[in-house]
Amino acid sequence: ADHGLDLAEKDFTVNTVAGAMKSFFSELPEPLVPYAMQVELVEAHSEYTGGSRPPRAPTQPLSSVSHNHRINLMTSENLSICFWPTLMRPDFSTMDALTATRTYQTIIELFIQQCPFFF
């Protein structure tokens, strides 16, 4: 929620804010896109049939950032590249996770682009 915090007034750099967000997401007990849902999302992505709605709205702030991409150069694709590993936290010790990295990134990009629909 927006609590009227003016980051420009606080003189935080963009990297500081992004780092704080990534740190917050990575310290949660379960990723914002729960492990149980990730398999379904990958399957849905491969079939282009959609998928179930995630239980939380992690991408709303990222969607807001991407709307200003002409100023900040952070498109939904750039944001998804930066944030998908933190939001999904795949187990990279398995071959399935390694081969699905582009799919995971695309899923997060879709969540950012279509935030009002999903959330």
PDB file of N, CA and C in Angstrom:
ATOM      1  N   ALA A   1       0.844  -1.183   0.000  1.00  0.00           N
ATOM      2  CA  ALA A   1       0.000   0.000   0.000  1.00  0.00           C
ATOM      3  C   ALA A   1       0.884   1.239   0.000  1.00  0.00           C
ATOM      4  N   ASP A   2       0.381   2.284  -0.589  1.00  0.00           N
ATOM      5  CA  ASP A   2       1.105   3.554  -0.636  1.00  0.00           C
ATOM      6  C   ASP A   2       0.839   4.303   0.652  1.00  0.00           C
ATOM      7  N   HIS A   3       1.872   4.500   1.439  1.00  0.00           N
ATOM      8  CA  HIS A   3       1.754   5.225   2.701  1.00  0.00           C
ATOM      9  C   HIS A   3       2.297   6.630   2.576  1.00  0.00           C
ATOM     10  N   GLY A   4       2.328   7.158   1.354  1.00  0.00           N
ATOM     11  CA  GLY A   4       2.787   8.517   1.133  1.00  0.00           C
ATOM     12  C   GLY A   4       4.298   8.672   1.233  1.00  0.00           C
ATOM     13  N   LEU A   5       5.021   7.589   1.106  1.00  0.00           N
ATOM     14  CA  LEU A   5       6.470   7.639   1.179  1.00  0.00           C
ATOM     15  C   LEU A   5       7.021   8.204  -0.120  1.00  0.00           C
ATOM     16  N   ASP A   6       7.769   9.289  -0.014  1.00  0.00           N
ATOM     17  CA  ASP A   6       8.377   9.915  -1.191  1.00  0.00           C
ATOM     18  C   ASP A   6       9.846   9.512  -1.227  1.00  0.00           C
ATOM     19  N   LEU A   7      10.156   8.529  -2.078  1.00  0.00           N
ATOM     20  CA  LEU A   7      11.524   8.017  -2.145  1.00  0.00           C
ATOM     21  C   LEU A   7      12.498   9.066  -2.644  1.00  0.00           C
ATOM     22  N   ALA A   8      12.034   9.957  -3.517  1.00  0.00           N
ATOM     23  CA  ALA A   8      12.911  11.024  -4.004  1.00  0.00           C
ATOM     24  C   ALA A   8      13.303  11.949  -2.855  1.00  0.00           C
ATOM     25  N   GLU A   9      12.361  12.195  -1.962  1.00  0.00           N
ATOM     26  CA  GLU A   9      12.622  13.049  -0.793  1.00  0.00           C
ATOM     27  C   GLU A   9      13.656  12.403   0.130  1.00  0.00           C
ATOM     28  N   LYS A  10      13.639  11.086   0.212  1.00  0.00           N
ATOM     29  CA  LYS A  10      14.565  10.352   1.082  1.00  0.00           C
ATOM     30  C   LYS A  10      15.943  10.203   0.457  1.00  0.00           C
ATOM     31  N   ASP A  11      16.067  10.561  -0.813  1.00  0.00           N
ATOM     32  CA  ASP A  11      17.340  10.502  -1.533  1.00  0.00           C
ATOM     33  C   ASP A  11      17.877   9.076  -1.658  1.00  0.00           C
ATOM     34  N   PHE A  12      16.947   8.110  -1.770  1.00  0.00           N
ATOM     35  CA  PHE A  12      17.334   6.727  -2.019  1.00  0.00           C
ATOM     36  C   PHE A  12      17.608   6.569  -3.510  1.00  0.00           C
ATOM     37  N   THR A  13      18.596   5.772  -3.850  1.00  0.00           N
ATOM     38  CA  THR A  13      18.831   5.466  -5.257  1.00  0.00           C
ATOM     39  C   THR A  13      17.870   4.369  -5.699  1.00  0.00           C
ATOM     40  N   VAL A  14      17.666   4.263  -6.994  1.00  0.00           N
ATOM     41  CA  VAL A  14      16.812   3.213  -7.536  1.00  0.00           C
ATOM     42  C   VAL A  14      17.365   1.850  -7.153  1.00  0.00           C
ATOM     43  N   ASN A  15      18.675   1.704  -7.205  1.00  0.00           N
ATOM     44  CA  ASN A  15      19.293   0.419  -6.845  1.00  0.00           C
ATOM     45  C   ASN A  15      19.040   0.061  -5.388  1.00  0.00           C
ATOM     46  N   THR A  16      19.008   1.050  -4.518  1.00  0.00           N
ATOM     47  CA  THR A  16      18.753   0.806  -3.100  1.00  0.00           C
ATOM     48  C   THR A  16      17.332   0.285  -2.900  1.00  0.00           C
ATOM     49  N   VAL A  17      16.379   0.927  -3.564  1.00  0.00           N
ATOM     50  CA  VAL A  17      14.978   0.509  -3.437  1.00  0.00           C
ATOM     51  C   VAL A  17      14.782  -0.884  -4.029  1.00  0.00           C
ATOM     52  N   ALA A  18      15.335  -1.124  -5.210  1.00  0.00           N
ATOM     53  CA  ALA A  18      15.213  -2.448  -5.840  1.00  0.00           C
ATOM     54  C   ALA A  18      15.876  -3.514  -4.975  1.00  0.00           C
ATOM     55  N   GLY A  19      17.028  -3.213  -4.427  1.00  0.00           N
ATOM     56  CA  GLY A  19      17.715  -4.160  -3.554  1.00  0.00           C
ATOM     57  C   GLY A  19      16.913  -4.468  -2.303  1.00  0.00           C
ATOM     58  N   ALA A  20      16.272  -3.451  -1.735  1.00  0.00           N
ATOM     59  CA  ALA A  20      15.442  -3.662  -0.547  1.00  0.00           C
ATOM     60  C   ALA A  20      14.238  -4.549  -0.873  1.00  0.00           C
ATOM     61  N   MET A  21      13.631  -4.304  -2.045  1.00  0.00           N
ATOM     62  CA  MET A  21      12.494  -5.144  -2.453  1.00  0.00           C
ATOM     63  C   MET A  21      12.928  -6.590  -2.646  1.00  0.00           C
ATOM     64  N   LYS A  22      14.047  -6.796  -3.338  1.00  0.00           N
ATOM     65  CA  LYS A  22      14.526  -8.157  -3.579  1.00  0.00           C
ATOM     66  C   LYS A  22      14.881  -8.847  -2.267  1.00  0.00           C
ATOM     67  N   SER A  23      15.472  -8.103  -1.355  1.00  0.00           N
ATOM     68  CA  SER A  23      15.826  -8.670  -0.050  1.00  0.00           C
ATOM     69  C   SER A  23      14.564  -9.077   0.715  1.00  0.00           C
ATOM     70  N   PHE A  24      13.567  -8.204   0.718  1.00  0.00           N
ATOM     71  CA  PHE A  24      12.307  -8.517   1.390  1.00  0.00           C
ATOM     72  C   PHE A  24      11.680  -9.786   0.822  1.00  0.00           C
ATOM     73  N   PHE A  25      11.564  -9.858  -0.508  1.00  0.00           N
ATOM     74  CA  PHE A  25      10.955 -11.020  -1.143  1.00  0.00           C
ATOM     75  C   PHE A  25      11.751 -12.294  -0.886  1.00  0.00           C
ATOM     76  N   SER A  26      13.069 -12.191  -0.879  1.00  0.00           N
ATOM     77  CA  SER A  26      13.887 -13.398  -0.705  1.00  0.00           C
ATOM     78  C   SER A  26      13.877 -13.916   0.723  1.00  0.00           C
ATOM     79  N   GLU A  27      13.506 -13.072   1.688  1.00  0.00           N
ATOM     80  CA  GLU A  27      13.478 -13.508   3.081  1.00  0.00           C
ATOM     81  C   GLU A  27      12.122 -14.068   3.517  1.00  0.00           C
ATOM     82  N   LEU A  28      11.141 -14.024   2.644  1.00  0.00           N
ATOM     83  CA  LEU A  28       9.845 -14.619   2.975  1.00  0.00           C
ATOM     84  C   LEU A  28       9.997 -16.136   3.056  1.00  0.00           C
ATOM     85  N   PRO A  29       9.218 -16.792   3.916  1.00  0.00           N
ATOM     86  CA  PRO A  29       9.358 -18.250   4.067  1.00  0.00           C
ATOM     87  C   PRO A  29       9.068 -19.026   2.784  1.00  0.00           C
ATOM     88  N   GLU A  30       8.171 -18.511   1.957  1.00  0.00           N
ATOM     89  CA  GLU A  30       7.839 -19.139   0.681  1.00  0.00           C
ATOM     90  C   GLU A  30       7.864 -18.041  -0.376  1.00  0.00           C
ATOM     91  N   PRO A  31       8.241 -18.371  -1.602  1.00  0.00           N
ATOM     92  CA  PRO A  31       8.243 -17.331  -2.642  1.00  0.00           C
ATOM     93  C   PRO A  31       6.850 -16.760  -2.871  1.00  0.00           C
ATOM     94  N   LEU A  32       6.784 -15.553  -3.395  1.00  0.00           N
ATOM     95  CA  LEU A  32       5.482 -14.942  -3.667  1.00  0.00           C
ATOM     96  C   LEU A  32       4.681 -15.728  -4.694  1.00  0.00           C
ATOM     97  N   VAL A  33       5.362 -16.384  -5.594  1.00  0.00           N
ATOM     98  CA  VAL A  33       4.689 -17.334  -6.476  1.00  0.00           C
ATOM     99  C   VAL A  33       4.976 -18.708  -5.863  1.00  0.00           C
ATOM    100  N   PRO A  34       4.020 -19.253  -5.119  1.00  0.00           N
ATOM    101  CA  PRO A  34       4.266 -20.488  -4.358  1.00  0.00           C
ATOM    102  C   PRO A  34       4.739 -21.636  -5.245  1.00  0.00           C
ATOM    103  N   TYR A  35       5.586 -22.469  -4.667  1.00  0.00           N
ATOM    104  CA  TYR A  35       6.137 -23.608  -5.401  1.00  0.00           C
ATOM    105  C   TYR A  35       5.037 -24.458  -6.024  1.00  0.00           C
ATOM    106  N   ALA A  36       3.971 -24.700  -5.278  1.00  0.00           N
ATOM    107  CA  ALA A  36       2.889 -25.554  -5.771  1.00  0.00           C
ATOM    108  C   ALA A  36       2.253 -24.969  -7.036  1.00  0.00           C
ATOM    109  N   MET A  37       2.229 -23.661  -7.147  1.00  0.00           N
ATOM    110  CA  MET A  37       1.625 -23.013  -8.305  1.00  0.00           C
ATOM    111  C   MET A  37       2.584 -22.947  -9.491  1.00  0.00           C
ATOM    112  N   GLN A  38       3.871 -23.006  -9.248  1.00  0.00           N
ATOM    113  CA  GLN A  38       4.847 -22.837 -10.319  1.00  0.00           C
ATOM    114  C   GLN A  38       4.731 -23.921 -11.389  1.00  0.00           C
ATOM    115  N   VAL A  39       4.515 -25.149 -10.974  1.00  0.00           N
ATOM    116  CA  VAL A  39       4.380 -26.248 -11.937  1.00  0.00           C
ATOM    117  C   VAL A  39       3.172 -25.989 -12.832  1.00  0.00           C
ATOM    118  N   GLU A  40       2.062 -25.592 -12.216  1.00  0.00           N
ATOM    119  CA  GLU A  40       0.862 -25.306 -12.991  1.00  0.00           C
ATOM    120  C   GLU A  40       1.080 -24.149 -13.957  1.00  0.00           C
ATOM    121  N   LEU A  41       1.778 -23.122 -13.512  1.00  0.00           N
ATOM    122  CA  LEU A  41       2.026 -21.971 -14.375  1.00  0.00           C
ATOM    123  C   LEU A  41       2.914 -22.332 -15.559  1.00  0.00           C
ATOM    124  N   VAL A  42       3.920 -23.144 -15.309  1.00  0.00           N
ATOM    125  CA  VAL A  42       4.791 -23.578 -16.402  1.00  0.00           C
ATOM    126  C   VAL A  42       3.999 -24.416 -17.400  1.00  0.00           C
ATOM    127  N   GLU A  43       3.165 -25.318 -16.903  1.00  0.00           N
ATOM    128  CA  GLU A  43       2.333 -26.132 -17.787  1.00  0.00           C
ATOM    129  C   GLU A  43       1.367 -25.254 -18.574  1.00  0.00           C
ATOM    130  N   ALA A  44       0.734 -24.299 -17.902  1.00  0.00           N
ATOM    131  CA  ALA A  44      -0.203 -23.406 -18.582  1.00  0.00           C
ATOM    132  C   ALA A  44       0.513 -22.565 -19.623  1.00  0.00           C
ATOM    133  N   HIS A  45       1.692 -22.113 -19.289  1.00  0.00           N
ATOM    134  CA  HIS A  45       2.459 -21.311 -20.240  1.00  0.00           C
ATOM    135  C   HIS A  45       2.773 -22.124 -21.489  1.00  0.00           C
ATOM    136  N   SER A  46       3.162 -23.372 -21.286  1.00  0.00           N
ATOM    137  CA  SER A  46       3.528 -24.191 -22.434  1.00  0.00           C
ATOM    138  C   SER A  46       2.326 -24.527 -23.308  1.00  0.00           C
ATOM    139  N   GLU A  47       1.141 -24.513 -22.720  1.00  0.00           N
ATOM    140  CA  GLU A  47      -0.075 -24.816 -23.481  1.00  0.00           C
ATOM    141  C   GLU A  47      -0.818 -23.553 -23.919  1.00  0.00           C
ATOM    142  N   TYR A  48      -0.357 -22.377 -23.461  1.00  0.00           N
ATOM    143  CA  TYR A  48      -1.002 -21.091 -23.771  1.00  0.00           C
ATOM    144  C   TYR A  48      -2.470 -21.072 -23.390  1.00  0.00           C
ATOM    145  N   THR A  49      -2.784 -21.699 -22.255  1.00  0.00           N
ATOM    146  CA  THR A  49      -4.186 -21.739 -21.839  1.00  0.00           C
ATOM    147  C   THR A  49      -4.484 -20.838 -20.663  1.00  0.00           C
ATOM    148  N   GLY A  50      -3.509 -20.112 -20.149  1.00  0.00           N
ATOM    149  CA  GLY A  50      -3.742 -19.268 -18.982  1.00  0.00           C
ATOM    150  C   GLY A  50      -3.198 -19.922 -17.749  1.00  0.00           C
ATOM    151  N   GLY A  51      -3.909 -19.832 -16.677  1.00  0.00           N
ATOM    152  CA  GLY A  51      -3.478 -20.399 -15.406  1.00  0.00           C
ATOM    153  C   GLY A  51      -4.327 -19.836 -14.296  1.00  0.00           C
ATOM    154  N   SER A  52      -4.173 -20.378 -13.125  1.00  0.00           N
ATOM    155  CA  SER A  52      -4.945 -19.882 -11.998  1.00  0.00           C
ATOM    156  C   SER A  52      -4.328 -18.594 -11.465  1.00  0.00           C
ATOM    157  N   ARG A  53      -5.132 -17.835 -10.779  1.00  0.00           N
ATOM    158  CA  ARG A  53      -4.655 -16.566 -10.246  1.00  0.00           C
ATOM    159  C   ARG A  53      -3.787 -16.788  -9.019  1.00  0.00           C
ATOM    160  N   PRO A  54      -2.670 -16.067  -8.939  1.00  0.00           N
ATOM    161  CA  PRO A  54      -1.826 -16.188  -7.755  1.00  0.00           C
ATOM    162  C   PRO A  54      -2.529 -15.623  -6.529  1.00  0.00           C
ATOM    163  N   PRO A  55      -2.217 -16.136  -5.340  1.00  0.00           N
ATOM    164  CA  PRO A  55      -2.905 -15.683  -4.141  1.00  0.00           C
ATOM    165  C   PRO A  55      -2.440 -14.319  -3.650  1.00  0.00           C
ATOM    166  N   ARG A  56      -1.309 -13.805  -4.117  1.00  0.00           N
ATOM    167  CA  ARG A  56      -0.777 -12.514  -3.673  1.00  0.00           C
ATOM    168  C   ARG A  56      -0.460 -11.647  -4.876  1.00  0.00           C
ATOM    169  N   ALA A  57      -0.330 -10.352  -4.671  1.00  0.00           N
ATOM    170  CA  ALA A  57      -0.111  -9.403  -5.765  1.00  0.00           C
ATOM    171  C   ALA A  57       1.294  -8.801  -5.701  1.00  0.00           C
ATOM    172  N   PRO A  58       2.324  -9.583  -6.012  1.00  0.00           N
ATOM    173  CA  PRO A  58       3.684  -9.074  -5.889  1.00  0.00           C
ATOM    174  C   PRO A  58       4.072  -8.102  -6.986  1.00  0.00           C
ATOM    175  N   THR A  59       3.357  -8.118  -8.077  1.00  0.00           N
ATOM    176  CA  THR A  59       3.826  -7.372  -9.232  1.00  0.00           C
ATOM    177  C   THR A  59       3.197  -5.996  -9.386  1.00  0.00           C
ATOM    178  N   GLN A  60       2.295  -5.593  -8.505  1.00  0.00           N
ATOM    179  CA  GLN A  60       1.670  -4.286  -8.647  1.00  0.00           C
ATOM    180  C   GLN A  60       2.705  -3.161  -8.607  1.00  0.00           C
ATOM    181  N   PRO A  61       3.629  -3.133  -7.644  1.00  0.00           N
ATOM    182  CA  PRO A  61       4.642  -2.069  -7.682  1.00  0.00           C
ATOM    183  C   PRO A  61       5.505  -2.138  -8.942  1.00  0.00           C
ATOM    184  N   LEU A  62       5.806  -3.340  -9.403  1.00  0.00           N
ATOM    185  CA  LEU A  62       6.609  -3.484 -10.618  1.00  0.00           C
ATOM    186  C   LEU A  62       5.833  -3.005 -11.832  1.00  0.00           C
ATOM    187  N   SER A  63       4.527  -3.246 -11.839  1.00  0.00           N
ATOM    188  CA  SER A  63       3.690  -2.760 -12.931  1.00  0.00           C
ATOM    189  C   SER A  63       3.710  -1.236 -12.979  1.00  0.00           C
ATOM    190  N   SER A  64       3.643  -0.609 -11.814  1.00  0.00           N
ATOM    191  CA  SER A  64       3.707   0.857 -11.759  1.00  0.00           C
ATOM    192  C   SER A  64       5.031   1.378 -12.297  1.00  0.00           C
ATOM    193  N   VAL A  65       6.108   0.709 -11.957  1.00  0.00           N
ATOM    194  CA  VAL A  65       7.426   1.106 -12.464  1.00  0.00           C
ATOM    195  C   VAL A  65       7.477   0.954 -13.976  1.00  0.00           C
ATOM    196  N   SER A  66       6.951  -0.149 -14.478  1.00  0.00           N
ATOM    197  CA  SER A  66       7.030  -0.390 -15.928  1.00  0.00           C
ATOM    198  C   SER A  66       6.202   0.617 -16.726  1.00  0.00           C
ATOM    199  N   HIS A  67       5.160   1.186 -16.122  1.00  0.00           N
ATOM    200  CA  HIS A  67       4.365   2.206 -16.815  1.00  0.00           C
ATOM    201  C   HIS A  67       5.184   3.470 -17.090  1.00  0.00           C
ATOM    202  N   ASN A  68       6.256   3.650 -16.345  1.00  0.00           N
ATOM    203  CA  ASN A  68       7.127   4.811 -16.531  1.00  0.00           C
ATOM    204  C   ASN A  68       8.418   4.441 -17.246  1.00  0.00           C
ATOM    205  N   HIS A  69       8.385   3.398 -18.054  1.00  0.00           N
ATOM    206  CA  HIS A  69       9.606   2.881 -18.688  1.00  0.00           C
ATOM    207  C   HIS A  69      10.295   3.899 -19.591  1.00  0.00           C
ATOM    208  N   ARG A  70       9.570   4.869 -20.107  1.00  0.00           N
ATOM    209  CA  ARG A  70      10.218   5.880 -20.958  1.00  0.00           C
ATOM    210  C   ARG A  70      11.169   6.755 -20.153  1.00  0.00           C
ATOM    211  N   ILE A  71      10.893   6.889 -18.860  1.00  0.00           N
ATOM    212  CA  ILE A  71      11.748   7.690 -17.983  1.00  0.00           C
ATOM    213  C   ILE A  71      12.808   6.829 -17.305  1.00  0.00           C
ATOM    214  N   ASN A  72      12.383   5.681 -16.744  1.00  0.00           N
ATOM    215  CA  ASN A  72      13.296   4.863 -15.935  1.00  0.00           C
ATOM    216  C   ASN A  72      13.945   3.706 -16.695  1.00  0.00           C
ATOM    217  N   LEU A  73      13.544   3.493 -17.953  1.00  0.00           N
ATOM    218  CA  LEU A  73      14.091   2.438 -18.816  1.00  0.00           C
ATOM    219  C   LEU A  73      13.828   1.020 -18.296  1.00  0.00           C
ATOM    220  N   MET A  74      12.906   0.884 -17.364  1.00  0.00           N
ATOM    221  CA  MET A  74      12.599  -0.430 -16.807  1.00  0.00           C
ATOM    222  C   MET A  74      11.273  -0.930 -17.378  1.00  0.00           C
ATOM    223  N   THR A  75      11.372  -1.634 -18.499  1.00  0.00           N
ATOM    224  CA  THR A  75      10.198  -2.242 -19.111  1.00  0.00           C
ATOM    225  C   THR A  75       9.769  -3.448 -18.282  1.00  0.00           C
ATOM    226  N   SER A  76       8.616  -3.988 -18.598  1.00  0.00           N
ATOM    227  CA  SER A  76       8.173  -5.198 -17.892  1.00  0.00           C
ATOM    228  C   SER A  76       9.157  -6.344 -18.121  1.00  0.00           C
ATOM    229  N   GLU A  77       9.769  -6.392 -19.301  1.00  0.00           N
ATOM    230  CA  GLU A  77      10.767  -7.437 -19.561  1.00  0.00           C
ATOM    231  C   GLU A  77      11.999  -7.240 -18.676  1.00  0.00           C
ATOM    232  N   ASN A  78      12.503  -6.011 -18.600  1.00  0.00           N
ATOM    233  CA  ASN A  78      13.672  -5.745 -17.752  1.00  0.00           C
ATOM    234  C   ASN A  78      13.384  -6.067 -16.295  1.00  0.00           C
ATOM    235  N   LEU A  79      12.208  -5.668 -15.815  1.00  0.00           N
ATOM    236  CA  LEU A  79      11.838  -5.940 -14.420  1.00  0.00           C
ATOM    237  C   LEU A  79      11.703  -7.438 -14.168  1.00  0.00           C
ATOM    238  N   SER A  80      11.119  -8.147 -15.127  1.00  0.00           N
ATOM    239  CA  SER A  80      10.959  -9.594 -14.934  1.00  0.00           C
ATOM    240  C   SER A  80      12.306 -10.300 -14.900  1.00  0.00           C
ATOM    241  N   ILE A  81      13.252  -9.836 -15.700  1.00  0.00           N
ATOM    242  CA  ILE A  81      14.600 -10.421 -15.679  1.00  0.00           C
ATOM    243  C   ILE A  81      15.240 -10.217 -14.313  1.00  0.00           C
ATOM    244  N   CYS A  82      15.047  -9.040 -13.736  1.00  0.00           N
ATOM    245  CA  CYS A  82      15.642  -8.731 -12.429  1.00  0.00           C
ATOM    246  C   CYS A  82      14.967  -9.472 -11.275  1.00  0.00           C
ATOM    247  N   PHE A  83      13.630  -9.617 -11.357  1.00  0.00           N
ATOM    248  CA  PHE A  83      12.885 -10.081 -10.187  1.00  0.00           C
ATOM    249  C   PHE A  83      12.392 -11.528 -10.235  1.00  0.00           C
ATOM    250  N   TRP A  84      12.374 -12.188 -11.404  1.00  0.00           N
ATOM    251  CA  TRP A  84      11.791 -13.530 -11.410  1.00  0.00           C
ATOM    252  C   TRP A  84      12.506 -14.503 -10.480  1.00  0.00           C
ATOM    253  N   PRO A  85      13.850 -14.474 -10.372  1.00  0.00           N
ATOM    254  CA  PRO A  85      14.471 -15.454  -9.468  1.00  0.00           C
ATOM    255  C   PRO A  85      14.072 -15.246  -8.004  1.00  0.00           C
ATOM    256  N   THR A  86      13.831 -13.997  -7.619  1.00  0.00           N
ATOM    257  CA  THR A  86      13.438 -13.701  -6.243  1.00  0.00           C
ATOM    258  C   THR A  86      11.977 -14.038  -6.000  1.00  0.00           C
ATOM    259  N   LEU A  87      11.121 -13.776  -6.974  1.00  0.00           N
ATOM    260  CA  LEU A  87       9.688 -14.012  -6.795  1.00  0.00           C
ATOM    261  C   LEU A  87       9.319 -15.483  -6.897  1.00  0.00           C
ATOM    262  N   MET A  88      10.102 -16.262  -7.629  1.00  0.00           N
ATOM    263  CA  MET A  88       9.768 -17.675  -7.817  1.00  0.00           C
ATOM    264  C   MET A  88      10.716 -18.621  -7.082  1.00  0.00           C
ATOM    265  N   ARG A  89      11.941 -18.226  -6.882  1.00  0.00           N
ATOM    266  CA  ARG A  89      12.951 -19.028  -6.184  1.00  0.00           C
ATOM    267  C   ARG A  89      12.981 -20.492  -6.614  1.00  0.00           C
ATOM    268  N   PRO A  90      13.248 -20.762  -7.880  1.00  0.00           N
ATOM    269  CA  PRO A  90      13.293 -22.159  -8.325  1.00  0.00           C
ATOM    270  C   PRO A  90      14.493 -22.902  -7.735  1.00  0.00           C
ATOM    271  N   ASP A  91      14.365 -24.202  -7.682  1.00  0.00           N
ATOM    272  CA  ASP A  91      15.444 -25.065  -7.214  1.00  0.00           C
ATOM    273  C   ASP A  91      16.358 -25.350  -8.401  1.00  0.00           C
ATOM    274  N   PHE A  92      17.465 -24.620  -8.482  1.00  0.00           N
ATOM    275  CA  PHE A  92      18.351 -24.743  -9.630  1.00  0.00           C
ATOM    276  C   PHE A  92      19.164 -26.031  -9.631  1.00  0.00           C
ATOM    277  N   SER A  93      18.969 -26.869  -8.638  1.00  0.00           N
ATOM    278  CA  SER A  93      19.683 -28.144  -8.631  1.00  0.00           C
ATOM    279  C   SER A  93      18.992 -29.178  -9.528  1.00  0.00           C
ATOM    280  N   THR A  94      17.810 -28.851 -10.007  1.00  0.00           N
ATOM    281  CA  THR A  94      17.104 -29.779 -10.893  1.00  0.00           C
ATOM    282  C   THR A  94      17.204 -29.297 -12.337  1.00  0.00           C
ATOM    283  N   MET A  95      17.236 -30.217 -13.246  1.00  0.00           N
ATOM    284  CA  MET A  95      17.321 -29.882 -14.663  1.00  0.00           C
ATOM    285  C   MET A  95      16.053 -29.179 -15.127  1.00  0.00           C
ATOM    286  N   ASP A  96      14.903 -29.549 -14.566  1.00  0.00           N
ATOM    287  CA  ASP A  96      13.643 -28.913 -14.953  1.00  0.00           C
ATOM    288  C   ASP A  96      13.686 -27.405 -14.695  1.00  0.00           C
ATOM    289  N   ALA A  97      14.193 -27.017 -13.543  1.00  0.00           N
ATOM    290  CA  ALA A  97      14.270 -25.587 -13.207  1.00  0.00           C
ATOM    291  C   ALA A  97      15.235 -24.874 -14.141  1.00  0.00           C
ATOM    292  N   LEU A  98      16.327 -25.508 -14.452  1.00  0.00           N
ATOM    293  CA  LEU A  98      17.309 -24.875 -15.347  1.00  0.00           C
ATOM    294  C   LEU A  98      16.753 -24.673 -16.745  1.00  0.00           C
ATOM    295  N   THR A  99      15.980 -25.634 -17.231  1.00  0.00           N
ATOM    296  CA  THR A  99      15.443 -25.501 -18.580  1.00  0.00           C
ATOM    297  C   THR A  99      14.230 -24.578 -18.635  1.00  0.00           C
ATOM    298  N   ALA A 100      13.623 -24.296 -17.490  1.00  0.00           N
ATOM    299  CA  ALA A 100      12.413 -23.470 -17.459  1.00  0.00           C
ATOM    300  C   ALA A 100      12.696 -22.008 -17.116  1.00  0.00           C
ATOM    301  N   THR A 101      13.948 -21.603 -17.059  1.00  0.00           N
ATOM    302  CA  THR A 101      14.245 -20.234 -16.614  1.00  0.00           C
ATOM    303  C   THR A 101      13.583 -19.178 -17.490  1.00  0.00           C
ATOM    304  N   ARG A 102      13.613 -19.337 -18.787  1.00  0.00           N
ATOM    305  CA  ARG A 102      12.972 -18.355 -19.676  1.00  0.00           C
ATOM    306  C   ARG A 102      11.460 -18.358 -19.467  1.00  0.00           C
ATOM    307  N   THR A 103      10.895 -19.519 -19.223  1.00  0.00           N
ATOM    308  CA  THR A 103       9.459 -19.606 -18.956  1.00  0.00           C
ATOM    309  C   THR A 103       9.109 -18.869 -17.674  1.00  0.00           C
ATOM    310  N   TYR A 104       9.903 -19.067 -16.603  1.00  0.00           N
ATOM    311  CA  TYR A 104       9.667 -18.359 -15.343  1.00  0.00           C
ATOM    312  C   TYR A 104       9.720 -16.850 -15.556  1.00  0.00           C
ATOM    313  N   GLN A 105      10.707 -16.398 -16.288  1.00  0.00           N
ATOM    314  CA  GLN A 105      10.856 -14.963 -16.549  1.00  0.00           C
ATOM    315  C   GLN A 105       9.652 -14.438 -17.324  1.00  0.00           C
ATOM    316  N   THR A 106       9.178 -15.202 -18.300  1.00  0.00           N
ATOM    317  CA  THR A 106       8.027 -14.790 -19.099  1.00  0.00           C
ATOM    318  C   THR A 106       6.755 -14.742 -18.252  1.00  0.00           C
ATOM    319  N   ILE A 107       6.605 -15.666 -17.326  1.00  0.00           N
ATOM    320  CA  ILE A 107       5.439 -15.676 -16.433  1.00  0.00           C
ATOM    321  C   ILE A 107       5.417 -14.404 -15.588  1.00  0.00           C
ATOM    322  N   ILE A 108       6.547 -14.043 -15.009  1.00  0.00           N
ATOM    323  CA  ILE A 108       6.605 -12.819 -14.203  1.00  0.00           C
ATOM    324  C   ILE A 108       6.366 -11.593 -15.074  1.00  0.00           C
ATOM    325  N   GLU A 109       6.911 -11.590 -16.290  1.00  0.00           N
ATOM    326  CA  GLU A 109       6.664 -10.474 -17.213  1.00  0.00           C
ATOM    327  C   GLU A 109       5.168 -10.342 -17.498  1.00  0.00           C
ATOM    328  N   LEU A 110       4.485 -11.456 -17.704  1.00  0.00           N
ATOM    329  CA  LEU A 110       3.047 -11.430 -17.942  1.00  0.00           C
ATOM    330  C   LEU A 110       2.302 -10.885 -16.724  1.00  0.00           C
ATOM    331  N   PHE A 111       2.695 -11.304 -15.519  1.00  0.00           N
ATOM    332  CA  PHE A 111       2.076 -10.777 -14.304  1.00  0.00           C
ATOM    333  C   PHE A 111       2.243  -9.256 -14.217  1.00  0.00           C
ATOM    334  N   ILE A 112       3.415  -8.762 -14.578  1.00  0.00           N
ATOM    335  CA  ILE A 112       3.662  -7.317 -14.534  1.00  0.00           C
ATOM    336  C   ILE A 112       2.796  -6.602 -15.567  1.00  0.00           C
ATOM    337  N   GLN A 113       2.770  -7.112 -16.781  1.00  0.00           N
ATOM    338  CA  GLN A 113       2.004  -6.485 -17.856  1.00  0.00           C
ATOM    339  C   GLN A 113       0.505  -6.512 -17.600  1.00  0.00           C
ATOM    340  N   GLN A 114       0.018  -7.611 -17.056  1.00  0.00           N
ATOM    341  CA  GLN A 114      -1.423  -7.817 -16.876  1.00  0.00           C
ATOM    342  C   GLN A 114      -1.822  -7.774 -15.405  1.00  0.00           C
ATOM    343  N   CYS A 115      -1.138  -6.981 -14.620  1.00  0.00           N
ATOM    344  CA  CYS A 115      -1.388  -6.925 -13.178  1.00  0.00           C
ATOM    345  C   CYS A 115      -2.860  -6.700 -12.822  1.00  0.00           C
ATOM    346  N   PRO A 116      -3.560  -5.742 -13.433  1.00  0.00           N
ATOM    347  CA  PRO A 116      -4.974  -5.549 -13.063  1.00  0.00           C
ATOM    348  C   PRO A 116      -5.837  -6.792 -13.333  1.00  0.00           C
ATOM    349  N   PHE A 117      -5.548  -7.529 -14.381  1.00  0.00           N
ATOM    350  CA  PHE A 117      -6.322  -8.736 -14.685  1.00  0.00           C
ATOM    351  C   PHE A 117      -6.077  -9.819 -13.639  1.00  0.00           C
ATOM    352  N   PHE A 118      -4.803 -10.066 -13.306  1.00  0.00           N
ATOM    353  CA  PHE A 118      -4.471 -11.148 -12.387  1.00  0.00           C
ATOM    354  C   PHE A 118      -4.784 -10.813 -10.944  1.00  0.00           C
ATOM    355  N   PHE A 119      -4.704  -9.527 -10.595  1.00  0.00           N
ATOM    356  CA  PHE A 119      -4.846  -9.161  -9.178  1.00  0.00           C
ATOM    357  C   PHE A 119      -5.968  -8.177  -8.977  1.00  0.00           C
TER     358      PHE A 119
END
